[in-house]
Every structure is written in C-alpha cells, then in structure tokens.
Amino acid sequence: RIIKLRGRSSFQSPAHLSARMVKAVAEGSEFEWPCGAYITEGEYAGVMMAADTSLGKTGVRYQIPDGDADDLAALKDSHAHLVSLRDQTIADGILPPLNEWKRHNSNL
C-alpha cells in the first residue's frame, strides 16, 4: 500500500523501510539499505549516525565509510555537529549524561 500511495519515492518512507527491516530480520536475510547505527568505538563513538550498515538477526553491523580527504572532512564535520546536538540535549536534561546511557540501555 505504501508503494501504491507514494510511488517511486516509497524507498524514502520510514514506514516502508521499517517494514522491510522487520521482514529481512524475520526471514533471516539481510537488510542492506543504509540505516542509522549507534557507533560504539573509534573516533565517531557515542552518536547515532548513518554508516555503511547491514541489519540481520544479530543486529546492526556498521563500518565507517571510506572516502577522499573532502569526504572524510565532511564526515568529521557531521560528527562534530551530532556531538554538539547530543551534548546540548544532555545539557537541556532531555537525555541522561553519556556515562549513564549503558545503565538505561545495555545495548549501547
């Protein structure tokens, strides 16, 4: 129904993508479209961001994308912006401090 309603732009529909994610995991296959991932290690740790991902029965696996110097500079800028937004959300009291996140969600 989503495809019928939205036509070719249905791949942009969060509902359609969510349904495809659940279907892939339920069938034991992989969902290979880009999706956000909580980055747990390395220089980009501590934020939810788009990455080269694969979603399957064991969860989301990610790797940081490769690119030229301009691509990597843009990625660093994007990460810095996300960190700033995260830190402001914590300062506003909407999210707990970063060191408490694992207590609230052991998957982080």
C-alpha atoms as a PDB file:
ATOM      1  CA  ARG A   1       0.000   0.000   0.000  1.00  0.00           C
ATOM      2  CA  ILE A   2       2.850   2.417   0.789  1.00  0.00           C
ATOM      3  CA  ILE A   3       4.381   1.929  -2.652  1.00  0.00           C
ATOM      4  CA  LYS A   4       0.980   2.463  -4.294  1.00  0.00           C
ATOM      5  CA  LEU A   5       0.475   5.697  -2.357  1.00  0.00           C
ATOM      6  CA  ARG A   6       3.974   7.118  -2.713  1.00  0.00           C
ATOM      7  CA  GLY A   7       5.152   5.629  -5.979  1.00  0.00           C
ATOM      8  CA  ARG A   8       8.858   5.666  -6.656  1.00  0.00           C
ATOM      9  CA  SER A   9       9.648   7.700  -3.550  1.00  0.00           C
ATOM     10  CA  SER A  10       8.436   4.825  -1.352  1.00  0.00           C
ATOM     11  CA  PHE A  11      12.035   3.875  -0.584  1.00  0.00           C
ATOM     12  CA  GLN A  12      12.157   7.121   1.407  1.00  0.00           C
ATOM     13  CA  SER A  13       9.158   6.144   3.537  1.00  0.00           C
ATOM     14  CA  PRO A  14      10.180   5.348   7.130  1.00  0.00           C
ATOM     15  CA  ALA A  15       7.176   3.007   7.410  1.00  0.00           C
ATOM     16  CA  HIS A  16       8.150   1.100   4.268  1.00  0.00           C
ATOM     17  CA  LEU A  17      11.797   0.848   5.309  1.00  0.00           C
ATOM     18  CA  SER A  18      10.821  -0.271   8.823  1.00  0.00           C
ATOM     19  CA  ALA A  19       8.584  -2.993   7.390  1.00  0.00           C
ATOM     20  CA  ARG A  20      11.405  -4.158   5.111  1.00  0.00           C
ATOM     21  CA  MET A  21      13.835  -4.190   8.067  1.00  0.00           C
ATOM     22  CA  VAL A  22      11.500  -6.374  10.137  1.00  0.00           C
ATOM     23  CA  LYS A  23      10.828  -8.657   7.149  1.00  0.00           C
ATOM     24  CA  ALA A  24      14.538  -9.143   6.446  1.00  0.00           C
ATOM     25  CA  VAL A  25      15.364  -9.975  10.053  1.00  0.00           C
ATOM     26  CA  ALA A  26      12.320 -12.269  10.435  1.00  0.00           C
ATOM     27  CA  GLU A  27      13.276 -14.182   7.287  1.00  0.00           C
ATOM     28  CA  GLY A  28      16.911 -14.454   8.319  1.00  0.00           C
ATOM     29  CA  SER A  29      18.144 -12.344   5.424  1.00  0.00           C
ATOM     30  CA  GLU A  30      19.989  -9.034   5.477  1.00  0.00           C
ATOM     31  CA  PHE A  31      18.621  -5.508   5.133  1.00  0.00           C
ATOM     32  CA  GLU A  32      21.334  -3.781   3.154  1.00  0.00           C
ATOM     33  CA  TRP A  33      19.905  -0.290   2.731  1.00  0.00           C
ATOM     34  CA  PRO A  34      21.640   2.431   4.732  1.00  0.00           C
ATOM     35  CA  CYS A  35      20.310   2.901   8.234  1.00  0.00           C
ATOM     36  CA  GLY A  36      21.455   4.711  11.315  1.00  0.00           C
ATOM     37  CA  ALA A  37      23.716   2.967  13.775  1.00  0.00           C
ATOM     38  CA  TYR A  38      24.877   3.817  17.262  1.00  0.00           C
ATOM     39  CA  ILE A  39      28.653   3.997  16.845  1.00  0.00           C
ATOM     40  CA  THR A  40      30.291   2.294  19.818  1.00  0.00           C
ATOM     41  CA  GLU A  41      34.014   2.711  19.222  1.00  0.00           C
ATOM     42  CA  GLY A  42      36.646   4.746  17.460  1.00  0.00           C
ATOM     43  CA  GLU A  43      36.731   8.453  16.788  1.00  0.00           C
ATOM     44  CA  TYR A  44      32.992   8.589  15.991  1.00  0.00           C
ATOM     45  CA  ALA A  45      31.819   6.786  19.147  1.00  0.00           C
ATOM     46  CA  GLY A  46      28.864   7.980  21.166  1.00  0.00           C
ATOM     47  CA  VAL A  47      26.469   9.134  18.443  1.00  0.00           C
ATOM     48  CA  MET A  48      23.772   7.694  16.225  1.00  0.00           C
ATOM     49  CA  MET A  49      24.734   8.370  12.632  1.00  0.00           C
ATOM     50  CA  ALA A  50      24.452   6.988   9.134  1.00  0.00           C
ATOM     51  CA  ALA A  51      27.120   4.449   8.308  1.00  0.00           C
ATOM     52  CA  ASP A  52      27.747   1.575   5.944  1.00  0.00           C
ATOM     53  CA  THR A  53      25.422  -0.902   7.660  1.00  0.00           C
ATOM     54  CA  SER A  54      23.976  -4.361   7.465  1.00  0.00           C
ATOM     55  CA  LEU A  55      20.973  -5.342   9.577  1.00  0.00           C
ATOM     56  CA  GLY A  56      20.390  -9.001  10.376  1.00  0.00           C
ATOM     57  CA  LYS A  57      19.371 -11.363  13.178  1.00  0.00           C
ATOM     58  CA  THR A  58      22.359 -10.332  15.302  1.00  0.00           C
ATOM     59  CA  GLY A  59      21.560  -6.620  14.995  1.00  0.00           C
ATOM     60  CA  VAL A  60      23.191  -3.779  13.107  1.00  0.00           C
ATOM     61  CA  ARG A  61      26.775  -4.119  11.963  1.00  0.00           C
ATOM     62  CA  TYR A  62      28.484  -1.000  10.717  1.00  0.00           C
ATOM     63  CA  GLN A  63      31.733   0.223   9.302  1.00  0.00           C
ATOM     64  CA  ILE A  64      32.888   3.777   8.840  1.00  0.00           C
ATOM     65  CA  PRO A  65      32.823   4.636   5.133  1.00  0.00           C
ATOM     66  CA  ASP A  66      35.973   5.254   3.135  1.00  0.00           C
ATOM     67  CA  GLY A  67      36.426   8.362   1.070  1.00  0.00           C
ATOM     68  CA  ASP A  68      38.797  11.002  -0.136  1.00  0.00           C
ATOM     69  CA  ALA A  69      40.051  13.842   2.059  1.00  0.00           C
ATOM     70  CA  ASP A  70      36.989  16.012   1.335  1.00  0.00           C
ATOM     71  CA  ASP A  71      34.587  13.160   2.165  1.00  0.00           C
ATOM     72  CA  LEU A  72      36.339  12.426   5.444  1.00  0.00           C
ATOM     73  CA  ALA A  73      36.439  16.129   6.364  1.00  0.00           C
ATOM     74  CA  ALA A  74      32.676  16.342   5.750  1.00  0.00           C
ATOM     75  CA  LEU A  75      32.175  13.231   7.892  1.00  0.00           C
ATOM     76  CA  LYS A  76      34.203  14.772  10.725  1.00  0.00           C
ATOM     77  CA  ASP A  77      32.154  17.984  10.470  1.00  0.00           C
ATOM     78  CA  SER A  78      28.922  15.991  10.518  1.00  0.00           C
ATOM     79  CA  HIS A  79      30.098  14.047  13.562  1.00  0.00           C
ATOM     80  CA  ALA A  80      31.076  17.256  15.371  1.00  0.00           C
ATOM     81  CA  HIS A  81      27.601  18.647  14.665  1.00  0.00           C
ATOM     82  CA  LEU A  82      25.946  15.480  16.019  1.00  0.00           C
ATOM     83  CA  VAL A  83      28.111  15.611  19.156  1.00  0.00           C
ATOM     84  CA  SER A  84      27.101  19.240  19.664  1.00  0.00           C
ATOM     85  CA  LEU A  85      23.403  18.366  19.307  1.00  0.00           C
ATOM     86  CA  ARG A  86      23.789  15.384  21.648  1.00  0.00           C
ATOM     87  CA  ASP A  87      25.616  17.439  24.265  1.00  0.00           C
ATOM     88  CA  GLN A  88      23.012  20.216  24.104  1.00  0.00           C
ATOM     89  CA  THR A  89      20.210  17.663  24.512  1.00  0.00           C
ATOM     90  CA  ILE A  90      22.003  16.291  27.580  1.00  0.00           C
ATOM     91  CA  ALA A  91      22.563  19.809  28.964  1.00  0.00           C
ATOM     92  CA  ASP A  92      18.835  20.527  28.492  1.00  0.00           C
ATOM     93  CA  GLY A  93      18.028  17.496  30.657  1.00  0.00           C
ATOM     94  CA  ILE A  94      16.280  15.587  27.871  1.00  0.00           C
ATOM     95  CA  LEU A  95      18.849  12.780  27.826  1.00  0.00           C
ATOM     96  CA  PRO A  96      20.915  11.485  30.735  1.00  0.00           C
ATOM     97  CA  PRO A  97      24.692  12.063  30.777  1.00  0.00           C
ATOM     98  CA  LEU A  98      26.609   9.903  28.321  1.00  0.00           C
ATOM     99  CA  ASN A  99      28.248   7.855  31.093  1.00  0.00           C
ATOM    100  CA  GLU A 100      24.754   6.736  32.237  1.00  0.00           C
ATOM    101  CA  TRP A 101      23.475   5.569  28.856  1.00  0.00           C
ATOM    102  CA  LYS A 102      24.531   1.940  29.281  1.00  0.00           C
ATOM    103  CA  ARG A 103      22.601   1.799  32.563  1.00  0.00           C
ATOM    104  CA  HIS A 104      19.434   2.815  30.691  1.00  0.00           C
ATOM    105  CA  ASN A 105      20.079   0.651  27.620  1.00  0.00           C
ATOM    106  CA  SER A 106      22.618  -2.158  27.835  1.00  0.00           C
ATOM    107  CA  ASN A 107      22.741  -2.378  24.022  1.00  0.00           C
ATOM    108  CA  LEU A 108      24.533   0.966  23.737  1.00  0.00           C
END
